[in-house]
Every structure is written in structure tokens, then in C-alpha cells.
PDB file of N, CA and C in Angstrom:
ATOM      1  N   UNK A   1     111.706  82.762 101.912  1.00  0.00           N
ATOM      2  CA  UNK A   1     111.596  84.144 101.533  1.00  0.00           C
ATOM      3  C   UNK A   1     112.587  84.959 102.361  1.00  0.00           C
ATOM      4  N   UNK A   2     113.323  85.804 101.694  1.00  0.00           N
ATOM      5  CA  UNK A   2     114.307  86.658 102.356  1.00  0.00           C
ATOM      6  C   UNK A   2     113.865  88.114 102.401  1.00  0.00           C
ATOM      7  N   UNK A   3     112.872  88.466 101.570  1.00  0.00           N
ATOM      8  CA  UNK A   3     112.448  89.861 101.458  1.00  0.00           C
ATOM      9  C   UNK A   3     111.006  89.939 100.985  1.00  0.00           C
ATOM     10  N   UNK A   4     110.407  91.122 101.133  1.00  0.00           N
ATOM     11  CA  UNK A   4     109.110  91.428 100.560  1.00  0.00           C
ATOM     12  C   UNK A   4     109.309  92.470  99.475  1.00  0.00           C
ATOM     13  N   UNK A   5     108.550  92.353  98.397  1.00  0.00           N
ATOM     14  CA  UNK A   5     108.559  93.353  97.330  1.00  0.00           C
ATOM     15  C   UNK A   5     107.208  94.034  97.323  1.00  0.00           C
ATOM     16  N   UNK A   6     107.222  95.363  97.275  1.00  0.00           N
ATOM     17  CA  UNK A   6     106.000  96.150  97.256  1.00  0.00           C
ATOM     18  C   UNK A   6     106.030  97.134  96.108  1.00  0.00           C
ATOM     19  N   UNK A   7     104.871  97.371  95.549  1.00  0.00           N
ATOM     20  CA  UNK A   7     104.668  98.517  94.660  1.00  0.00           C
ATOM     21  C   UNK A   7     103.751  99.431  95.439  1.00  0.00           C
ATOM     22  N   UNK A   8     104.243 100.625  95.766  1.00  0.00           N
ATOM     23  CA  UNK A   8     103.522 101.515  96.658  1.00  0.00           C
ATOM     24  C   UNK A   8     103.643 102.959  96.177  1.00  0.00           C
ATOM     25  N   UNK A   9     102.579 103.725  96.419  1.00  0.00           N
ATOM     26  CA  UNK A   9     102.565 105.154  96.095  1.00  0.00           C
ATOM     27  C   UNK A   9     102.050 105.890  97.319  1.00  0.00           C
ATOM     28  N   UNK A  10     102.785 106.904  97.747  1.00  0.00           N
ATOM     29  CA  UNK A  10     102.361 107.661  98.930  1.00  0.00           C
ATOM     30  C   UNK A  10     102.157 109.122  98.570  1.00  0.00           C
ATOM     31  N   UNK A  11     101.660 109.860  99.543  1.00  0.00           N
ATOM     32  CA  UNK A  11     101.421 111.291  99.376  1.00  0.00           C
ATOM     33  C   UNK A  11     102.665 112.117  99.680  1.00  0.00           C
ATOM     34  N   UNK A  12     103.808 111.490  99.869  1.00  0.00           N
ATOM     35  CA  UNK A  12     105.057 112.194 100.109  1.00  0.00           C
ATOM     36  C   UNK A  12     105.460 112.288 101.573  1.00  0.00           C
ATOM     37  N   UNK A  13     104.597 111.848 102.478  1.00  0.00           N
ATOM     38  CA  UNK A  13     104.983 111.854 103.893  1.00  0.00           C
ATOM     39  C   UNK A  13     106.072 110.817 104.117  1.00  0.00           C
ATOM     40  N   UNK A  14     106.909 111.042 105.139  1.00  0.00           N
ATOM     41  CA  UNK A  14     108.067 110.181 105.348  1.00  0.00           C
ATOM     42  C   UNK A  14     107.894 109.151 106.461  1.00  0.00           C
ATOM     43  N   UNK A  15     106.770 109.092 107.108  1.00  0.00           N
ATOM     44  CA  UNK A  15     106.606 108.205 108.246  1.00  0.00           C
ATOM     45  C   UNK A  15     105.841 106.921 107.985  1.00  0.00           C
ATOM     46  N   UNK A  16     105.654 106.534 106.723  1.00  0.00           N
ATOM     47  CA  UNK A  16     104.927 105.292 106.448  1.00  0.00           C
ATOM     48  C   UNK A  16     105.804 104.091 106.792  1.00  0.00           C
ATOM     49  N   UNK A  17     105.196 103.123 107.472  1.00  0.00           N
ATOM     50  CA  UNK A  17     105.907 101.903 107.862  1.00  0.00           C
ATOM     51  C   UNK A  17     105.075 100.679 107.505  1.00  0.00           C
ATOM     52  N   UNK A  18     105.768  99.605 107.196  1.00  0.00           N
ATOM     53  CA  UNK A  18     105.146  98.294 107.060  1.00  0.00           C
ATOM     54  C   UNK A  18     105.455  97.539 108.339  1.00  0.00           C
ATOM     55  N   UNK A  19     104.429  96.946 108.927  1.00  0.00           N
ATOM     56  CA  UNK A  19     104.589  96.203 110.175  1.00  0.00           C
ATOM     57  C   UNK A  19     104.198  94.754 109.950  1.00  0.00           C
ATOM     58  N   UNK A  20     105.047  93.847 110.389  1.00  0.00           N
ATOM     59  CA  UNK A  20     104.771  92.411 110.337  1.00  0.00           C
ATOM     60  C   UNK A  20     104.723  91.887 111.762  1.00  0.00           C
ATOM     61  N   UNK A  21     103.820  90.966 112.015  1.00  0.00           N
ATOM     62  CA  UNK A  21     103.773  90.305 113.318  1.00  0.00           C
ATOM     63  C   UNK A  21     103.834  88.805 113.088  1.00  0.00           C
ATOM     64  N   UNK A  22     104.526  88.148 113.987  1.00  0.00           N
ATOM     65  CA  UNK A  22     104.638  86.705 113.920  1.00  0.00           C
ATOM     66  C   UNK A  22     103.849  86.051 115.041  1.00  0.00           C
ATOM     67  N   UNK A  23     103.987  84.765 115.153  1.00  0.00           N
ATOM     68  CA  UNK A  23     103.302  84.049 116.226  1.00  0.00           C
ATOM     69  C   UNK A  23     104.200  83.910 117.453  1.00  0.00           C
ATOM     70  N   UNK A  24     105.101  84.879 117.643  1.00  0.00           N
ATOM     71  CA  UNK A  24     105.985  84.898 118.804  1.00  0.00           C
ATOM     72  C   UNK A  24     105.196  85.227 120.058  1.00  0.00           C
ATOM     73  N   UNK A  25     105.711  84.892 121.173  1.00  0.00           N
ATOM     74  CA  UNK A  25     105.109  85.289 122.454  1.00  0.00           C
ATOM     75  C   UNK A  25     106.175  86.002 123.250  1.00  0.00           C
ATOM     76  N   UNK A  26     106.003  87.199 123.719  1.00  0.00           N
ATOM     77  CA  UNK A  26     104.819  88.037 123.522  1.00  0.00           C
ATOM     78  C   UNK A  26     104.738  88.554 122.090  1.00  0.00           C
ATOM     79  N   UNK A  27     103.646  89.184 121.763  1.00  0.00           N
ATOM     80  CA  UNK A  27     103.420  89.655 120.391  1.00  0.00           C
ATOM     81  C   UNK A  27     104.426  90.744 120.016  1.00  0.00           C
ATOM     82  N   UNK A  28     105.386  90.395 119.221  1.00  0.00           N
ATOM     83  CA  UNK A  28     106.432  91.305 118.779  1.00  0.00           C
ATOM     84  C   UNK A  28     106.066  91.793 117.379  1.00  0.00           C
ATOM     85  N   UNK A  29     106.211  93.081 117.143  1.00  0.00           N
ATOM     86  CA  UNK A  29     106.015  93.591 115.787  1.00  0.00           C
ATOM     87  C   UNK A  29     107.386  93.945 115.211  1.00  0.00           C
ATOM     88  N   UNK A  30     107.498  93.781 113.923  1.00  0.00           N
ATOM     89  CA  UNK A  30     108.722  94.096 113.189  1.00  0.00           C
ATOM     90  C   UNK A  30     108.366  95.165 112.170  1.00  0.00           C
ATOM     91  N   UNK A  31     109.092  96.289 112.183  1.00  0.00           N
ATOM     92  CA  UNK A  31     108.733  97.439 111.362  1.00  0.00           C
ATOM     93  C   UNK A  31     109.890  97.875 110.475  1.00  0.00           C
ATOM     94  N   UNK A  32     109.496  98.454 109.334  1.00  0.00           N
ATOM     95  CA  UNK A  32     110.481  99.054 108.434  1.00  0.00           C
ATOM     96  C   UNK A  32     109.844 100.279 107.795  1.00  0.00           C
ATOM     97  N   UNK A  33     110.621 101.356 107.664  1.00  0.00           N
ATOM     98  CA  UNK A  33     110.130 102.559 106.992  1.00  0.00           C
ATOM     99  C   UNK A  33     110.038 102.315 105.488  1.00  0.00           C
ATOM    100  N   UNK A  34     108.983 102.835 104.886  1.00  0.00           N
ATOM    101  CA  UNK A  34     108.810 102.749 103.440  1.00  0.00           C
ATOM    102  C   UNK A  34     109.350 104.031 102.828  1.00  0.00           C
ATOM    103  N   UNK A  35     110.551 103.977 102.309  1.00  0.00           N
ATOM    104  CA  UNK A  35     111.222 105.143 101.752  1.00  0.00           C
ATOM    105  C   UNK A  35     110.912 105.224 100.264  1.00  0.00           C
ATOM    106  N   UNK A  36     109.802 105.874  99.923  1.00  0.00           N
ATOM    107  CA  UNK A  36     109.420 106.000  98.516  1.00  0.00           C
ATOM    108  C   UNK A  36     110.068 107.198  97.846  1.00  0.00           C
ATOM    109  N   UNK A  37     110.566 108.150  98.631  1.00  0.00           N
ATOM    110  CA  UNK A  37     111.127 109.386  98.069  1.00  0.00           C
ATOM    111  C   UNK A  37     112.409 109.147  97.280  1.00  0.00           C
ATOM    112  N   UNK A  38     113.175 108.136  97.654  1.00  0.00           N
ATOM    113  CA  UNK A  38     114.471 107.894  97.008  1.00  0.00           C
ATOM    114  C   UNK A  38     114.441 106.782  95.972  1.00  0.00           C
ATOM    115  N   UNK A  39     113.263 106.385  95.564  1.00  0.00           N
ATOM    116  CA  UNK A  39     113.138 105.291  94.606  1.00  0.00           C
ATOM    117  C   UNK A  39     112.552 105.794  93.288  1.00  0.00           C
ATOM    118  N   UNK A  40     112.914 105.156  92.196  1.00  0.00           N
ATOM    119  CA  UNK A  40     112.320 105.465  90.896  1.00  0.00           C
ATOM    120  C   UNK A  40     110.867 105.004  90.898  1.00  0.00           C
ATOM    121  N   UNK A  41     110.024 105.714  90.215  1.00  0.00           N
ATOM    122  CA  UNK A  41     108.607 105.356  90.149  1.00  0.00           C
ATOM    123  C   UNK A  41     108.232 105.021  88.714  1.00  0.00           C
ATOM    124  N   UNK A  42     107.173 104.201  88.572  1.00  0.00           N
ATOM    125  CA  UNK A  42     106.690 103.843  87.240  1.00  0.00           C
ATOM    126  C   UNK A  42     105.784 104.950  86.701  1.00  0.00           C
ATOM    127  N   UNK A  43     105.173 104.724  85.540  1.00  0.00           N
ATOM    128  CA  UNK A  43     104.338 105.740  84.892  1.00  0.00           C
ATOM    129  C   UNK A  43     103.133 106.134  85.750  1.00  0.00           C
ATOM    130  N   UNK A  44     102.682 105.237  86.632  1.00  0.00           N
ATOM    131  CA  UNK A  44     101.538 105.527  87.508  1.00  0.00           C
ATOM    132  C   UNK A  44     101.954 106.116  88.851  1.00  0.00           C
ATOM    133  N   UNK A  45     103.260 106.318  89.064  1.00  0.00           N
ATOM    134  CA  UNK A  45     103.740 106.917  90.307  1.00  0.00           C
ATOM    135  C   UNK A  45     104.040 105.935  91.423  1.00  0.00           C
ATOM    136  N   UNK A  46     104.069 104.632  91.127  1.00  0.00           N
ATOM    137  CA  UNK A  46     104.338 103.612  92.140  1.00  0.00           C
ATOM    138  C   UNK A  46     105.832 103.293  92.202  1.00  0.00           C
ATOM    139  N   UNK A  47     106.370 103.266  93.410  1.00  0.00           N
ATOM    140  CA  UNK A  47     107.762 102.878  93.637  1.00  0.00           C
ATOM    141  C   UNK A  47     107.823 101.381  93.876  1.00  0.00           C
ATOM    142  N   UNK A  48     108.854 100.744  93.380  1.00  0.00           N
ATOM    143  CA  UNK A  48     109.079  99.311  93.573  1.00  0.00           C
ATOM    144  C   UNK A  48     110.105  99.164  94.692  1.00  0.00           C
ATOM    145  N   UNK A  49     109.671  98.670  95.859  1.00  0.00           N
ATOM    146  CA  UNK A  49     110.546  98.539  97.024  1.00  0.00           C
ATOM    147  C   UNK A  49     110.842  97.073  97.305  1.00  0.00           C
ATOM    148  N   UNK A  50     112.074  96.783  97.681  1.00  0.00           N
ATOM    149  CA  UNK A  50     112.431  95.460  98.188  1.00  0.00           C
ATOM    150  C   UNK A  50     112.851  95.644  99.638  1.00  0.00           C
ATOM    151  N   UNK A  51     112.166  94.934 100.540  1.00  0.00           N
ATOM    152  CA  UNK A  51     112.373  95.081 101.975  1.00  0.00           C
ATOM    153  C   UNK A  51     112.906  93.777 102.563  1.00  0.00           C
ATOM    154  N   UNK A  52     114.232  93.677 102.764  1.00  0.00           N
ATOM    155  CA  UNK A  52     114.801  92.462 103.344  1.00  0.00           C
ATOM    156  C   UNK A  52     114.271  92.229 104.762  1.00  0.00           C
ATOM    157  N   UNK A  53     113.896  91.005 105.072  1.00  0.00           N
ATOM    158  CA  UNK A  53     113.351  90.691 106.394  1.00  0.00           C
ATOM    159  C   UNK A  53     114.332  91.015 107.511  1.00  0.00           C
ATOM    160  N   UNK A  54     115.623  90.879 107.254  1.00  0.00           N
ATOM    161  CA  UNK A  54     116.589  91.135 108.316  1.00  0.00           C
ATOM    162  C   UNK A  54     116.785  92.627 108.606  1.00  0.00           C
ATOM    163  N   UNK A  55     116.144  93.517 107.840  1.00  0.00           N
ATOM    164  CA  UNK A  55     116.214  94.954 108.111  1.00  0.00           C
ATOM    165  C   UNK A  55     115.006  95.466 108.908  1.00  0.00           C
ATOM    166  N   UNK A  56     114.007  94.616 109.153  1.00  0.00           N
ATOM    167  CA  UNK A  56     112.864  95.009 109.970  1.00  0.00           C
ATOM    168  C   UNK A  56     113.312  95.124 111.426  1.00  0.00           C
ATOM    169  N   UNK A  57     112.855  96.160 112.123  1.00  0.00           N
ATOM    170  CA  UNK A  57     113.241  96.422 113.514  1.00  0.00           C
ATOM    171  C   UNK A  57     112.162  95.906 114.465  1.00  0.00           C
ATOM    172  N   UNK A  58     112.532  95.097 115.465  1.00  0.00           N
ATOM    173  CA  UNK A  58     111.544  94.558 116.406  1.00  0.00           C
ATOM    174  C   UNK A  58     111.141  95.581 117.465  1.00  0.00           C
ATOM    175  N   UNK A  59     109.865  95.528 117.850  1.00  0.00           N
ATOM    176  CA  UNK A  59     109.375  96.362 118.945  1.00  0.00           C
ATOM    177  C   UNK A  59     108.245  95.632 119.670  1.00  0.00           C
ATOM    178  N   UNK A  60     107.992  96.080 120.893  1.00  0.00           N
ATOM    179  CA  UNK A  60     106.885  95.559 121.699  1.00  0.00           C
ATOM    180  C   UNK A  60     106.181  96.752 122.321  1.00  0.00           C
ATOM    181  N   UNK A  61     104.908  96.920 122.002  1.00  0.00           N
ATOM    182  CA  UNK A  61     104.091  98.020 122.494  1.00  0.00           C
ATOM    183  C   UNK A  61     104.762  99.376 122.264  1.00  0.00           C
ATOM    184  N   UNK A  62     105.319  99.559 121.065  1.00  0.00           N
ATOM    185  CA  UNK A  62     105.910 100.834 120.677  1.00  0.00           C
ATOM    186  C   UNK A  62     107.308 101.111 121.187  1.00  0.00           C
ATOM    187  N   UNK A  63     107.894 100.137 121.844  1.00  0.00           N
ATOM    188  CA  UNK A  63     109.257 100.327 122.369  1.00  0.00           C
ATOM    189  C   UNK A  63     110.210  99.346 121.688  1.00  0.00           C
ATOM    190  N   UNK A  64     111.445  99.797 121.415  1.00  0.00           N
ATOM    191  CA  UNK A  64     112.421  98.893 120.801  1.00  0.00           C
ATOM    192  C   UNK A  64     112.640  97.646 121.642  1.00  0.00           C
ATOM    193  N   UNK A  65     112.829  96.541 120.980  1.00  0.00           N
ATOM    194  CA  UNK A  65     113.050  95.265 121.663  1.00  0.00           C
ATOM    195  C   UNK A  65     114.391  94.721 121.186  1.00  0.00           C
ATOM    196  N   UNK A  66     115.367  94.752 122.045  1.00  0.00           N
ATOM    197  CA  UNK A  66     116.743  94.413 121.661  1.00  0.00           C
ATOM    198  C   UNK A  66     116.987  92.902 121.510  1.00  0.00           C
ATOM    199  N   UNK A  67     116.351  92.083 122.328  1.00  0.00           N
ATOM    200  CA  UNK A  67     116.641  90.644 122.321  1.00  0.00           C
ATOM    201  C   UNK A  67     115.570  89.828 121.615  1.00  0.00           C
ATOM    202  N   UNK A  68     114.957  90.379 120.580  1.00  0.00           N
ATOM    203  CA  UNK A  68     113.888  89.684 119.867  1.00  0.00           C
ATOM    204  C   UNK A  68     114.463  88.583 118.980  1.00  0.00           C
ATOM    205  N   UNK A  69     113.701  87.513 118.791  1.00  0.00           N
ATOM    206  CA  UNK A  69     114.146  86.492 117.839  1.00  0.00           C
ATOM    207  C   UNK A  69     114.121  87.067 116.420  1.00  0.00           C
ATOM    208  N   UNK A  70     114.929  86.540 115.518  1.00  0.00           N
ATOM    209  CA  UNK A  70     114.917  87.056 114.147  1.00  0.00           C
ATOM    210  C   UNK A  70     113.566  86.801 113.471  1.00  0.00           C
ATOM    211  N   UNK A  71     113.200  87.695 112.564  1.00  0.00           N
ATOM    212  CA  UNK A  71     111.955  87.549 111.812  1.00  0.00           C
ATOM    213  C   UNK A  71     112.137  86.463 110.769  1.00  0.00           C
ATOM    214  N   UNK A  72     111.258  85.494 110.773  1.00  0.00           N
ATOM    215  CA  UNK A  72     111.277  84.397 109.806  1.00  0.00           C
ATOM    216  C   UNK A  72     109.944  84.379 109.075  1.00  0.00           C
ATOM    217  N   UNK A  73     109.979  84.121 107.761  1.00  0.00           N
ATOM    218  CA  UNK A  73     108.755  84.173 106.977  1.00  0.00           C
ATOM    219  C   UNK A  73     107.717  83.141 107.415  1.00  0.00           C
ATOM    220  N   UNK A  74     108.127  82.006 107.925  1.00  0.00           N
ATOM    221  CA  UNK A  74     107.172  80.981 108.364  1.00  0.00           C
ATOM    222  C   UNK A  74     106.406  81.416 109.603  1.00  0.00           C
ATOM    223  N   UNK A  75     106.919  82.415 110.321  1.00  0.00           N
ATOM    224  CA  UNK A  75     106.284  82.891 111.551  1.00  0.00           C
ATOM    225  C   UNK A  75     105.353  84.086 111.326  1.00  0.00           C
ATOM    226  N   UNK A  76     105.325  84.682 110.138  1.00  0.00           N
ATOM    227  CA  UNK A  76     104.518  85.874 109.884  1.00  0.00           C
ATOM    228  C   UNK A  76     103.041  85.499 109.837  1.00  0.00           C
ATOM    229  N   UNK A  77     102.237  86.221 110.642  1.00  0.00           N
ATOM    230  CA  UNK A  77     100.799  85.944 110.640  1.00  0.00           C
ATOM    231  C   UNK A  77      99.955  87.194 110.421  1.00  0.00           C
ATOM    232  N   UNK A  78     100.550  88.390 110.397  1.00  0.00           N
ATOM    233  CA  UNK A  78      99.780  89.592 110.071  1.00  0.00           C
ATOM    234  C   UNK A  78     100.692  90.665 109.491  1.00  0.00           C
ATOM    235  N   UNK A  79     100.069  91.569 108.762  1.00  0.00           N
ATOM    236  CA  UNK A  79     100.770  92.629 108.071  1.00  0.00           C
ATOM    237  C   UNK A  79      99.940  93.898 108.199  1.00  0.00           C
ATOM    238  N   UNK A  80     100.593  95.039 108.392  1.00  0.00           N
ATOM    239  CA  UNK A  80      99.871  96.298 108.473  1.00  0.00           C
ATOM    240  C   UNK A  80     100.680  97.436 107.912  1.00  0.00           C
ATOM    241  N   UNK A  81      99.986  98.495 107.536  1.00  0.00           N
ATOM    242  CA  UNK A  81     100.612  99.735 107.103  1.00  0.00           C
ATOM    243  C   UNK A  81     100.236 100.809 108.099  1.00  0.00           C
ATOM    244  N   UNK A  82     101.167 101.690 108.428  1.00  0.00           N
ATOM    245  CA  UNK A  82     100.859 102.776 109.354  1.00  0.00           C
ATOM    246  C   UNK A  82     101.639 104.018 108.981  1.00  0.00           C
ATOM    247  N   UNK A  83     101.136 105.153 109.473  1.00  0.00           N
ATOM    248  CA  UNK A  83     101.842 106.415 109.380  1.00  0.00           C
ATOM    249  C   UNK A  83     102.193 106.808 110.793  1.00  0.00           C
ATOM    250  N   UNK A  84     103.467 107.047 111.052  1.00  0.00           N
ATOM    251  CA  UNK A  84     103.924 107.293 112.410  1.00  0.00           C
ATOM    252  C   UNK A  84     105.072 108.289 112.413  1.00  0.00           C
ATOM    253  N   UNK A  85     105.139 109.094 113.467  1.00  0.00           N
ATOM    254  CA  UNK A  85     106.276 110.005 113.619  1.00  0.00           C
ATOM    255  C   UNK A  85     107.478 109.317 114.242  1.00  0.00           C
ATOM    256  N   UNK A  86     107.297 108.087 114.701  1.00  0.00           N
ATOM    257  CA  UNK A  86     108.374 107.369 115.377  1.00  0.00           C
ATOM    258  C   UNK A  86     109.206 106.553 114.396  1.00  0.00           C
ATOM    259  N   UNK A  87     110.452 106.346 114.749  1.00  0.00           N
ATOM    260  CA  UNK A  87     111.363 105.547 113.937  1.00  0.00           C
ATOM    261  C   UNK A  87     110.890 104.097 113.885  1.00  0.00           C
ATOM    262  N   UNK A  88     111.337 103.378 112.876  1.00  0.00           N
ATOM    263  CA  UNK A  88     111.004 101.953 112.790  1.00  0.00           C
ATOM    264  C   UNK A  88     111.515 101.255 114.039  1.00  0.00           C
ATOM    265  N   UNK A  89     110.703 100.436 114.624  1.00  0.00           N
ATOM    266  CA  UNK A  89     111.079  99.748 115.848  1.00  0.00           C
ATOM    267  C   UNK A  89     110.649 100.498 117.091  1.00  0.00           C
ATOM    268  N   UNK A  90     110.023 101.676 116.931  1.00  0.00           N
ATOM    269  CA  UNK A  90     109.528 102.424 118.084  1.00  0.00           C
ATOM    270  C   UNK A  90     110.596 103.259 118.747  1.00  0.00           C
ATOM    271  N   UNK A  91     110.193 103.902 119.823  1.00  0.00           N
ATOM    272  CA  UNK A  91     111.148 104.692 120.588  1.00  0.00           C
ATOM    273  C   UNK A  91     111.156 106.145 120.198  1.00  0.00           C
ATOM    274  N   UNK A  92     112.273 106.596 119.631  1.00  0.00           N
ATOM    275  CA  UNK A  92     112.480 108.012 119.376  1.00  0.00           C
ATOM    276  C   UNK A  92     111.652 108.532 118.195  1.00  0.00           C
ATOM    277  N   UNK A  93     111.346 109.836 118.237  1.00  0.00           N
ATOM    278  CA  UNK A  93     110.655 110.503 117.140  1.00  0.00           C
ATOM    279  C   UNK A  93     111.638 110.633 115.988  1.00  0.00           C
ATOM    280  N   UNK A  94     111.208 110.216 114.801  1.00  0.00           N
ATOM    281  CA  UNK A  94     112.086 110.276 113.636  1.00  0.00           C
ATOM    282  C   UNK A  94     112.124 111.692 113.050  1.00  0.00           C
ATOM    283  N   UNK A  95     110.971 112.212 112.616  1.00  0.00           N
ATOM    284  CA  UNK A  95     110.919 113.533 112.005  1.00  0.00           C
ATOM    285  C   UNK A  95     109.469 113.995 111.992  1.00  0.00           C
ATOM    286  N   UNK A  96     109.102 114.891 112.891  1.00  0.00           N
ATOM    287  CA  UNK A  96     107.721 115.369 112.983  1.00  0.00           C
ATOM    288  C   UNK A  96     107.286 116.129 111.736  1.00  0.00           C
ATOM    289  N   UNK A  97     108.219 116.746 111.028  1.00  0.00           N
ATOM    290  CA  UNK A  97     107.856 117.506 109.833  1.00  0.00           C
ATOM    291  C   UNK A  97     107.283 116.607 108.749  1.00  0.00           C
ATOM    292  N   UNK A  98     107.678 115.353 108.687  1.00  0.00           N
ATOM    293  CA  UNK A  98     107.201 114.440 107.654  1.00  0.00           C
ATOM    294  C   UNK A  98     105.893 113.776 107.998  1.00  0.00           C
ATOM    295  N   UNK A  99     105.380 114.026 109.189  1.00  0.00           N
ATOM    296  CA  UNK A  99     104.162 113.353 109.643  1.00  0.00           C
ATOM    297  C   UNK A  99     103.220 114.354 110.325  1.00  0.00           C
ATOM    298  N   UNK A 100     102.852 115.448 109.629  1.00  0.00           N
ATOM    299  CA  UNK A 100     101.950 116.413 110.252  1.00  0.00           C
ATOM    300  C   UNK A 100     100.534 115.852 110.344  1.00  0.00           C
ATOM    301  N   UNK A 101      99.692 116.399 111.246  1.00  0.00           N
ATOM    302  CA  UNK A 101      98.313 115.927 111.335  1.00  0.00           C
ATOM    303  C   UNK A 101      97.548 116.256 110.057  1.00  0.00           C
ATOM    304  N   UNK A 102      96.481 115.512 109.817  1.00  0.00           N
ATOM    305  CA  UNK A 102      95.637 115.766 108.655  1.00  0.00           C
ATOM    306  C   UNK A 102      95.466 114.527 107.799  1.00  0.00           C
ATOM    307  N   UNK A 103      94.844 114.732 106.658  1.00  0.00           N
ATOM    308  CA  UNK A 103      94.584 113.628 105.730  1.00  0.00           C
ATOM    309  C   UNK A 103      95.889 113.029 105.222  1.00  0.00           C
ATOM    310  N   UNK A 104      95.858 111.736 104.960  1.00  0.00           N
ATOM    311  CA  UNK A 104      97.026 111.056 104.412  1.00  0.00           C
ATOM    312  C   UNK A 104      96.551 109.993 103.447  1.00  0.00           C
ATOM    313  N   UNK A 105      97.478 109.524 102.591  1.00  0.00           N
ATOM    314  CA  UNK A 105      97.097 108.516 101.599  1.00  0.00           C
ATOM    315  C   UNK A 105      98.322 107.698 101.204  1.00  0.00           C
ATOM    316  N   UNK A 106      98.139 106.395 101.219  1.00  0.00           N
ATOM    317  CA  UNK A 106      99.145 105.478 100.691  1.00  0.00           C
ATOM    318  C   UNK A 106      98.397 104.397  99.914  1.00  0.00           C
ATOM    319  N   UNK A 107      98.936 104.026  98.766  1.00  0.00           N
ATOM    320  CA  UNK A 107      98.313 103.006  97.927  1.00  0.00           C
ATOM    321  C   UNK A 107      99.279 101.837  97.766  1.00  0.00           C
ATOM    322  N   UNK A 108      98.767 100.652  97.947  1.00  0.00           N
ATOM    323  CA  UNK A 108      99.548  99.422  97.769  1.00  0.00           C
ATOM    324  C   UNK A 108      99.016  98.720  96.530  1.00  0.00           C
ATOM    325  N   UNK A 109      99.855  98.599  95.525  1.00  0.00           N
ATOM    326  CA  UNK A 109      99.455  97.983  94.260  1.00  0.00           C
ATOM    327  C   UNK A 109      99.805  96.501  94.215  1.00  0.00           C
ATOM    328  N   UNK A 110     100.942  96.150  94.823  1.00  0.00           N
ATOM    329  CA  UNK A 110     101.405  94.766  94.752  1.00  0.00           C
ATOM    330  C   UNK A 110     102.243  94.433  95.980  1.00  0.00           C
ATOM    331  N   UNK A 111     102.095  93.208  96.454  1.00  0.00           N
ATOM    332  CA  UNK A 111     102.896  92.674  97.550  1.00  0.00           C
ATOM    333  C   UNK A 111     103.282  91.257  97.163  1.00  0.00           C
ATOM    334  N   UNK A 112     104.577  90.966  97.197  1.00  0.00           N
ATOM    335  CA  UNK A 112     105.046  89.643  96.786  1.00  0.00           C
ATOM    336  C   UNK A 112     106.303  89.283  97.566  1.00  0.00           C
ATOM    337  N   UNK A 113     106.620  88.010  97.555  1.00  0.00           N
ATOM    338  CA  UNK A 113     107.870  87.547  98.158  1.00  0.00           C
ATOM    339  C   UNK A 113     109.024  87.982  97.272  1.00  0.00           C
ATOM    340  N   UNK A 114     110.062  88.524  97.903  1.00  0.00           N
ATOM    341  CA  UNK A 114     111.256  88.922  97.171  1.00  0.00           C
ATOM    342  C   UNK A 114     112.138  87.721  96.919  1.00  0.00           C
ATOM    343  N   UNK A 115     112.948  87.813  95.892  1.00  0.00           N
ATOM    344  CA  UNK A 115     113.849  86.716  95.562  1.00  0.00           C
ATOM    345  C   UNK A 115     115.207  86.984  96.162  1.00  0.00           C
ATOM    346  N   UNK A 116     115.679  86.052  96.901  1.00  0.00           N
ATOM    347  CA  UNK A 116     116.987  86.182  97.523  1.00  0.00           C
ATOM    348  C   UNK A 116     118.072  85.819  96.523  1.00  0.00           C
ATOM    349  N   UNK A 117     119.165  86.558  96.571  1.00  0.00           N
ATOM    350  CA  UNK A 117     120.317  86.196  95.753  1.00  0.00           C
ATOM    351  C   UNK A 117     120.964  84.923  96.280  1.00  0.00           C
ATOM    352  N   UNK A 118     120.647  84.553  97.514  1.00  0.00           N
ATOM    353  CA  UNK A 118     121.232  83.342  98.102  1.00  0.00           C
ATOM    354  C   UNK A 118     120.419  82.090  97.786  1.00  0.00           C
ATOM    355  N   UNK A 119     119.196  82.266  97.269  1.00  0.00           N
ATOM    356  CA  UNK A 119     118.336  81.114  97.012  1.00  0.00           C
ATOM    357  C   UNK A 119     118.569  80.588  95.612  1.00  0.00           C
ATOM    358  N   UNK A 120     118.860  79.333  95.513  1.00  0.00           N
ATOM    359  CA  UNK A 120     119.062  78.681  94.231  1.00  0.00           C
ATOM    360  C   UNK A 120     118.264  77.379  94.242  1.00  0.00           C
ATOM    361  N   UNK A 121     117.382  77.214  93.284  1.00  0.00           N
ATOM    362  CA  UNK A 121     116.551  76.012  93.202  1.00  0.00           C
ATOM    363  C   UNK A 121     115.808  75.708  94.482  1.00  0.00           C
ATOM    364  N   UNK A 122     115.293  76.752  95.130  1.00  0.00           N
ATOM    365  CA  UNK A 122     114.497  76.554  96.330  1.00  0.00           C
ATOM    366  C   UNK A 122     115.302  76.293  97.598  1.00  0.00           C
ATOM    367  N   UNK A 123     116.609  76.336  97.504  1.00  0.00           N
ATOM    368  CA  UNK A 123     117.457  76.104  98.673  1.00  0.00           C
ATOM    369  C   UNK A 123     118.223  77.360  98.995  1.00  0.00           C
ATOM    370  N   UNK A 124     118.518  77.541 100.256  1.00  0.00           N
ATOM    371  CA  UNK A 124     119.294  78.711 100.653  1.00  0.00           C
ATOM    372  C   UNK A 124     120.730  78.276 100.887  1.00  0.00           C
ATOM    373  N   UNK A 125     121.622  78.941 100.202  1.00  0.00           N
ATOM    374  CA  UNK A 125     123.043  78.631 100.313  1.00  0.00           C
ATOM    375  C   UNK A 125     123.741  79.770 101.031  1.00  0.00           C
ATOM    376  N   UNK A 126     124.403  79.465 102.124  1.00  0.00           N
ATOM    377  CA  UNK A 126     125.138  80.491 102.860  1.00  0.00           C
ATOM    378  C   UNK A 126     126.570  80.059 103.092  1.00  0.00           C
TER     379      UNK A 126
END
């Protein structure tokens, strides 16, 4: 697997992130912002996102982690959704205006493995 595909609908806030954790030691999280505002939506309002694994940003306890091992699908053991004012990978505040306090809502309709353009007949060609 080279990517994850999601069908997601949000309330318009800009700080939603998908977080993946692997069986690495120490526990490293890999995060990516869910940018639903710039995607076409279906009749029910769900955006179809493709999230390449190599675009997830590693962090440890909310701080960027520069020397993290690459995220591999065989190592993924948990998945989470969060709303955060911080950039993917932790550290700096991304945009406080997009993450005000109060009620929030995100809906996940589908989660699937994305198809890599490099994968042919179950093999990865590089």
C-alpha cells in the first residue's frame, strides 16, 4: 500500500488530521492534514481524499521528529482522527482561526488502501 483513500465530510474547520502509529520504538505518530476544502464533494457532501504514506509527517509527543524511519503499511497498528491547531507533525501553530473552541464534527464514510501507480500485479516497480 502506498496511500490511504478516505471519503470524509467535515464542518469546514481546517485543522482535522489523520494520525497513524506504527510499532516503532519509541511510539512515533505520523500525521497529515485532511484538506477537504479544496476537493470536489459527492452528492452527500463527502470529499474523496488520497493520502500518500510518504506525505505523513512524523512526530513524538507533539514535536516534529526529523530522523524518524519512513512510514510503512506493514508497521501501522493504529489510526486516529483529531482536530488540532498545530501543523501536521506537531510544533508550530498552523492557523488558530480554523480551529476555534466549540462543537466540531467530522464524518468518515470510507477508508481503504490507495492504489499506487507504481504497483503492477501486486509488485512495486521503481
